[in-house]
Amino acid sequence: MRTARFVTWSPTLVLTAHGSADPRSPAVTHAVAGRIRRLRPELDVRVAFCEQNAPNLRDVLVSLDRPAVVSPLLLADAFHARVDIPEMIDAAGADVLQAPVLGEDPALLTVLRQRLSEAGVSGDDDEIGVMVVSVGSSNDLANARTATVAKMLLAGTRWAGARTAFAAGPNPNLAEVALRLRTAGARRVVIAPWFLAHGRITDRILDYAAGQGITVAEPLGSHNLVAATVLDRYDAALDQRVAA
């Protein structure tokens, strides 16, 4: 990656999502970008995707005539953040920094709690078991970090338990975690999707849940706290550049 040559104005924020054939996913990306623009009106915000949707990240970077920060709209620091995005940045040959992924930020935990509350879940209900469902990764460290979401979500509640399940890839899967929660005393299991948007995987989760009588909360979606977390990562990338 080339060293960014930043000037007095704020570099462009390129909000970069993985991309999906399901239109609900890019719609959330554009909605989050809109919230970022409202939170920081002076900032030039562009949307880009790694694949399946336009515009492609490389094309956006090539078109820019100013420095930029690529801010991944990704929850996990896995393949897309570690390989796909850096390769596209290098291929573009632009003055670009890459911001960290959103990760397990407390602000996103607040949004997840709100989604659970909207689904009728109370923190005082000791018969509830919450299953945090993520897509899963081939990166063990990324999965381990994702697993901390359930532990943080459980803190301060009276729930019977909270555990992480993976919808694809690694174990434990949804059925295994549902059994563990019920064994721990949960009489009602609720799924908290650790996803930013609906798509094909969340549809499969909904199908499973419908067959098991399990309530499913909404994904994080477009929310000001999601937008604010993107801005935090953008600012962190700039701070790191200045410190260097």
Protein backbone atom coordinates (compact mmCIF):
# COMPACT_ATOMS: atom_id res chain seq x y z
CA MET A 1 0.00 0.00 0.00
CA ARG A 2 1.34 3.43 -0.87
CA THR A 3 1.80 6.03 1.85
CA ALA A 4 -1.13 8.43 1.91
CA ARG A 5 -0.27 12.10 1.36
CA PHE A 6 -2.93 13.89 3.31
CA VAL A 7 -3.60 17.57 2.91
CA THR A 8 -5.63 20.09 4.87
CA TRP A 9 -9.08 18.78 3.87
CA SER A 10 -10.60 15.56 5.14
CA PRO A 11 -9.84 12.54 2.95
CA THR A 12 -12.78 10.89 1.22
CA LEU A 13 -14.44 8.13 3.23
CA VAL A 14 -15.07 5.13 1.00
CA LEU A 15 -17.62 2.99 2.81
CA THR A 16 -16.89 -0.50 1.52
CA ALA A 17 -19.17 -3.50 1.91
CA HIS A 18 -18.73 -7.04 0.68
CA GLY A 19 -21.65 -6.89 -1.75
CA SER A 20 -24.58 -9.24 -2.21
CA ALA A 21 -27.01 -10.50 -4.82
CA ASP A 22 -29.75 -9.71 -2.32
CA PRO A 23 -30.80 -6.05 -2.78
CA ARG A 24 -31.52 -5.63 0.93
CA SER A 25 -27.81 -5.74 1.72
CA PRO A 26 -26.54 -2.90 -0.52
CA ALA A 27 -29.61 -0.89 0.48
CA VAL A 28 -28.39 -0.91 4.08
CA THR A 29 -24.90 0.15 2.94
CA HIS A 30 -26.33 3.17 1.12
CA ALA A 31 -28.55 3.98 4.11
CA VAL A 32 -25.57 3.92 6.48
CA ALA A 33 -23.67 6.18 4.08
CA GLY A 34 -26.59 8.61 4.21
CA ARG A 35 -26.44 8.66 8.00
CA ILE A 36 -22.68 9.31 7.90
CA ARG A 37 -23.27 12.28 5.61
CA ARG A 38 -25.85 13.67 8.02
CA LEU A 39 -23.56 13.18 11.02
CA ARG A 40 -20.60 14.81 9.24
CA PRO A 41 -21.92 16.96 6.37
CA GLU A 42 -18.51 18.29 5.37
CA LEU A 43 -17.14 14.83 4.63
CA ASP A 44 -17.06 13.38 1.13
CA VAL A 45 -18.59 9.89 1.47
CA ARG A 46 -18.59 7.33 -1.32
CA VAL A 47 -20.02 3.79 -1.37
CA ALA A 48 -18.15 0.83 -2.87
CA PHE A 49 -18.38 -2.96 -2.91
CA CYS A 50 -15.88 -5.78 -3.14
CA GLU A 51 -18.09 -7.82 -5.47
CA GLN A 52 -21.61 -8.40 -6.85
CA ASN A 53 -22.70 -4.74 -6.59
CA ALA A 54 -21.59 -1.54 -8.29
CA PRO A 55 -19.55 0.51 -7.96
CA ASN A 56 -16.57 -1.77 -7.36
CA LEU A 57 -14.02 -0.57 -4.80
CA ARG A 58 -11.13 -0.52 -7.27
CA ASP A 59 -13.13 1.58 -9.74
CA VAL A 60 -14.06 4.08 -7.03
CA LEU A 61 -10.45 4.44 -5.88
CA VAL A 62 -9.17 4.92 -9.43
CA SER A 63 -11.72 7.68 -9.98
CA LEU A 64 -10.67 9.71 -6.94
CA ASP A 65 -8.40 12.74 -7.30
CA ARG A 66 -7.75 13.08 -3.56
CA PRO A 67 -6.59 10.88 -0.66
CA ALA A 68 -9.09 8.48 0.83
CA VAL A 69 -9.78 6.16 3.72
CA VAL A 70 -11.43 2.85 2.91
CA SER A 71 -13.76 2.10 5.82
CA PRO A 72 -14.95 -1.53 5.71
CA LEU A 73 -18.61 -2.00 6.59
CA LEU A 74 -17.67 -5.38 8.04
CA LEU A 75 -18.09 -6.83 11.50
CA ALA A 76 -15.24 -9.36 11.44
CA ASP A 77 -11.56 -8.86 10.68
CA ALA A 78 -11.47 -11.83 8.33
CA PHE A 79 -10.74 -12.61 4.67
CA HIS A 80 -12.43 -9.61 3.05
CA ALA A 81 -10.74 -7.13 5.36
CA ARG A 82 -7.36 -8.89 5.37
CA VAL A 83 -7.09 -9.94 1.72
CA ASP A 84 -9.78 -8.64 -0.66
CA ILE A 85 -9.75 -4.98 0.29
CA PRO A 86 -5.94 -4.60 0.59
CA GLU A 87 -5.50 -6.23 -2.84
CA MET A 88 -7.98 -3.81 -4.42
CA ILE A 89 -6.27 -0.84 -2.76
CA ASP A 90 -2.90 -1.96 -4.07
CA ALA A 91 -4.32 -2.54 -7.56
CA ALA A 92 -5.77 0.97 -7.64
CA GLY A 93 -2.40 2.52 -6.83
CA ALA A 94 -4.10 5.36 -4.96
CA ASP A 95 -3.25 7.35 -1.84
CA VAL A 96 -5.41 5.30 0.50
CA LEU A 97 -5.51 4.15 4.09
CA GLN A 98 -7.60 1.22 5.27
CA ALA A 99 -9.56 1.72 8.48
CA PRO A 100 -10.22 -1.13 10.92
CA VAL A 101 -13.42 -3.17 10.68
CA LEU A 102 -16.33 -2.33 12.96
CA GLY A 103 -15.67 -5.30 15.25
CA GLU A 104 -17.32 -5.86 18.60
CA ASP A 105 -17.82 -2.19 19.38
CA PRO A 106 -19.93 -1.29 22.45
CA ALA A 107 -22.06 0.97 20.25
CA LEU A 108 -23.00 -2.00 18.09
CA LEU A 109 -23.82 -4.01 21.20
CA THR A 110 -26.23 -1.22 22.11
CA VAL A 111 -27.90 -1.56 18.70
CA LEU A 112 -28.10 -5.35 19.14
CA ARG A 113 -29.76 -4.92 22.54
CA GLN A 114 -32.23 -2.51 20.95
CA ARG A 115 -33.07 -5.07 18.26
CA LEU A 116 -33.67 -7.70 20.95
CA SER A 117 -35.88 -5.30 22.89
CA GLU A 118 -37.88 -4.63 19.72
CA ALA A 119 -38.35 -8.43 19.47
CA GLY A 120 -39.84 -8.50 22.97
CA VAL A 121 -36.75 -9.57 24.92
CA SER A 122 -36.27 -8.17 28.43
CA GLY A 123 -32.96 -8.29 30.24
CA ASP A 124 -34.84 -9.33 33.39
CA ASP A 125 -36.35 -12.47 31.85
CA ASP A 126 -34.53 -15.44 33.39
CA GLU A 127 -36.24 -17.89 31.02
CA ILE A 128 -34.61 -16.36 27.92
CA GLY A 129 -31.63 -17.86 26.12
CA VAL A 130 -30.06 -15.64 23.46
CA MET A 131 -28.25 -17.12 20.49
CA VAL A 132 -25.95 -14.63 18.76
CA VAL A 133 -25.65 -15.91 15.20
CA SER A 134 -22.79 -14.88 12.93
CA VAL A 135 -21.81 -16.07 9.47
CA GLY A 136 -18.53 -17.59 10.68
CA SER A 137 -15.06 -17.41 9.15
CA SER A 138 -12.10 -19.59 8.27
CA ASN A 139 -10.09 -17.29 10.55
CA ASP A 140 -10.09 -18.73 14.08
CA LEU A 141 -9.14 -15.42 15.66
CA ALA A 142 -12.06 -13.65 13.98
CA ASN A 143 -14.43 -16.35 15.24
CA ALA A 144 -13.02 -16.05 18.76
CA ARG A 145 -13.62 -12.31 18.74
CA THR A 146 -17.15 -12.80 17.46
CA ALA A 147 -17.80 -15.27 20.28
CA THR A 148 -17.21 -12.47 22.79
CA VAL A 149 -20.38 -10.69 21.60
CA ALA A 150 -22.64 -13.17 23.41
CA LYS A 151 -20.63 -12.81 26.63
CA MET A 152 -20.83 -9.03 26.52
CA LEU A 153 -24.52 -9.16 25.68
CA LEU A 154 -25.22 -11.42 28.67
CA ALA A 155 -23.58 -9.05 31.16
CA GLY A 156 -26.10 -7.27 33.37
CA THR A 157 -29.03 -9.49 32.39
CA ARG A 158 -30.85 -12.29 34.16
CA TRP A 159 -31.02 -14.48 31.08
CA ALA A 160 -30.52 -18.21 31.36
CA GLY A 161 -27.61 -17.80 28.99
CA ALA A 162 -26.21 -16.33 25.79
CA ARG A 163 -24.03 -18.18 23.32
CA THR A 164 -22.63 -17.67 19.85
CA ALA A 165 -23.53 -19.91 16.90
CA PHE A 166 -22.24 -19.83 13.35
CA ALA A 167 -24.57 -20.06 10.38
CA ALA A 168 -21.80 -21.33 8.11
CA GLY A 169 -18.33 -22.76 8.54
CA PRO A 170 -17.19 -23.40 12.10
CA ASN A 171 -19.03 -24.99 14.99
CA PRO A 172 -21.10 -24.68 17.07
CA ASN A 173 -24.04 -24.50 14.72
CA LEU A 174 -27.52 -23.22 15.52
CA ALA A 175 -29.01 -26.54 16.60
CA GLU A 176 -26.12 -27.26 18.96
CA VAL A 177 -26.34 -23.87 20.63
CA ALA A 178 -30.13 -24.03 20.94
CA LEU A 179 -29.75 -27.36 22.76
CA ARG A 180 -27.08 -25.96 25.08
CA LEU A 181 -29.24 -22.96 25.96
CA ARG A 182 -32.26 -25.14 26.71
CA THR A 183 -30.09 -27.48 28.79
CA ALA A 184 -28.95 -24.42 30.75
CA GLY A 185 -32.57 -23.61 31.61
CA ALA A 186 -33.79 -21.42 28.77
CA ARG A 187 -37.48 -21.98 28.08
CA ARG A 188 -37.46 -19.51 25.19
CA VAL A 189 -34.61 -19.13 22.70
CA VAL A 190 -34.20 -15.91 20.74
CA ILE A 191 -31.74 -15.34 17.90
CA ALA A 192 -29.80 -12.09 17.76
CA PRO A 193 -28.31 -11.88 14.24
CA TRP A 194 -24.78 -10.47 14.28
CA PHE A 195 -25.31 -9.18 10.75
CA LEU A 196 -25.58 -5.70 9.32
CA ALA A 197 -28.33 -6.58 6.85
CA HIS A 198 -30.69 -9.27 5.71
CA GLY A 199 -29.56 -11.58 2.92
CA ARG A 200 -29.55 -15.20 1.89
CA ILE A 201 -27.88 -16.39 5.09
CA THR A 202 -30.32 -14.58 7.35
CA ASP A 203 -33.15 -16.07 5.30
CA ARG A 204 -31.77 -19.54 6.08
CA ILE A 205 -31.62 -18.56 9.75
CA LEU A 206 -35.26 -17.46 9.61
CA ASP A 207 -36.26 -20.74 7.98
CA TYR A 208 -34.51 -22.73 10.72
CA ALA A 209 -36.02 -20.56 13.46
CA ALA A 210 -39.54 -20.88 12.06
CA GLY A 211 -39.28 -24.66 12.24
CA GLN A 212 -38.07 -24.52 15.83
CA GLY A 213 -40.43 -21.88 17.20
CA ILE A 214 -37.53 -19.49 17.77
CA THR A 215 -37.93 -15.70 17.63
CA VAL A 216 -35.42 -13.84 15.46
CA ALA A 217 -34.54 -10.18 16.07
CA GLU A 218 -33.66 -7.85 13.22
CA PRO A 219 -30.03 -7.37 12.06
CA LEU A 220 -28.19 -4.23 13.16
CA GLY A 221 -29.28 -2.44 9.98
CA SER A 222 -29.02 1.27 9.33
CA HIS A 223 -28.60 3.06 12.65
CA ASN A 224 -26.82 6.22 13.77
CA LEU A 225 -24.62 4.18 16.09
CA VAL A 226 -23.49 2.05 13.14
CA ALA A 227 -22.67 5.22 11.22
CA ALA A 228 -20.88 6.69 14.24
CA THR A 229 -18.79 3.52 14.58
CA VAL A 230 -17.71 3.84 10.94
CA LEU A 231 -16.63 7.41 11.66
CA ASP A 232 -14.70 6.24 14.73
CA ARG A 233 -12.76 3.80 12.55
CA TYR A 234 -12.17 6.49 9.92
CA ASP A 235 -10.82 8.86 12.57
CA ALA A 236 -8.66 6.09 14.05
CA ALA A 237 -7.04 5.49 10.66
CA LEU A 238 -6.24 9.20 10.33
CA ASP A 239 -4.88 9.39 13.89
CA GLN A 240 -2.62 6.42 13.21
CA ARG A 241 -1.31 8.09 10.04
CA VAL A 242 -0.54 11.30 11.92
CA ALA A 243 1.15 9.39 14.75
CA ALA A 244 3.34 7.57 12.27
